[in-house]
Amino acid sequence: MTRQGRIAAAAAALALVACAGSPVRVALASKEELKSLSLLQLAGAYQTDDVRAEIERRDAERVGSPRYVLLATNEQLASLDEGDLINVWRTKRVSRWRDDTARFQAEDAESRRKAKDELVRRKYFSDEEMRLIEANEVTIGMREAAMITSWWNDASHTNSTRTARGVRKQYVFGLGTRKKYVYTDHGLVTTIQD
């Protein structure tokens, strides 16, 4: 590389470092500077140990997040709403960092277990609903919350109709020609259509 080429490369590197939100600048930021950056800036940065630690710290502080559930005391778990617990229990997450997959999977499994145990402790679902949820089944007469928990990530969309008698919802599961429709009235599954 010529002298002019080296100078140009050094200038480009300095420009990247000097740019406030650049991935390089974020990766070189101090721990205090990282606290002032947005989560979007952190996610786009080169993943240094400090950047990872800041993302995990924020996730642990976000009430209802899987990391919050993982680190929560029994008192904190008891204060969470059922929707957050259901979300943690039924949603499998994917590791942000390939080199950390084993630890991440273990933490994810533990946070999911804690969320489920808290729902069981509260007796939020009946024994029959828990059996159906574990089997990923839906049946007429089950509560809408149990149906959503059983088939959590599968609904492609939901249609709602408000009438004088209440809210009726249509959940659409599947894509293309292989769709299932589940209808709920007043929070109970009333119809399952293939």
Foldseek 3Di string as FASTA:
>chain_A
DDPVVVVVVVVVVVVQCPPCLHLNVQLPDDLVVVLPDDPVSLLRHDDDVSSVVNNLVVQCVPQLHLNVLLPDDPVSLLPDDLVSLLCLQQDQDADSDPVCRVVVNVSSVSSNVSSVVSCVVVPVDPPVLVVCLVVLHDDFFGFLVSVCSSCVPFFPDKDWDQDPQGIKMWTWGDDDPPIWIWIDDPGTTHDIGD
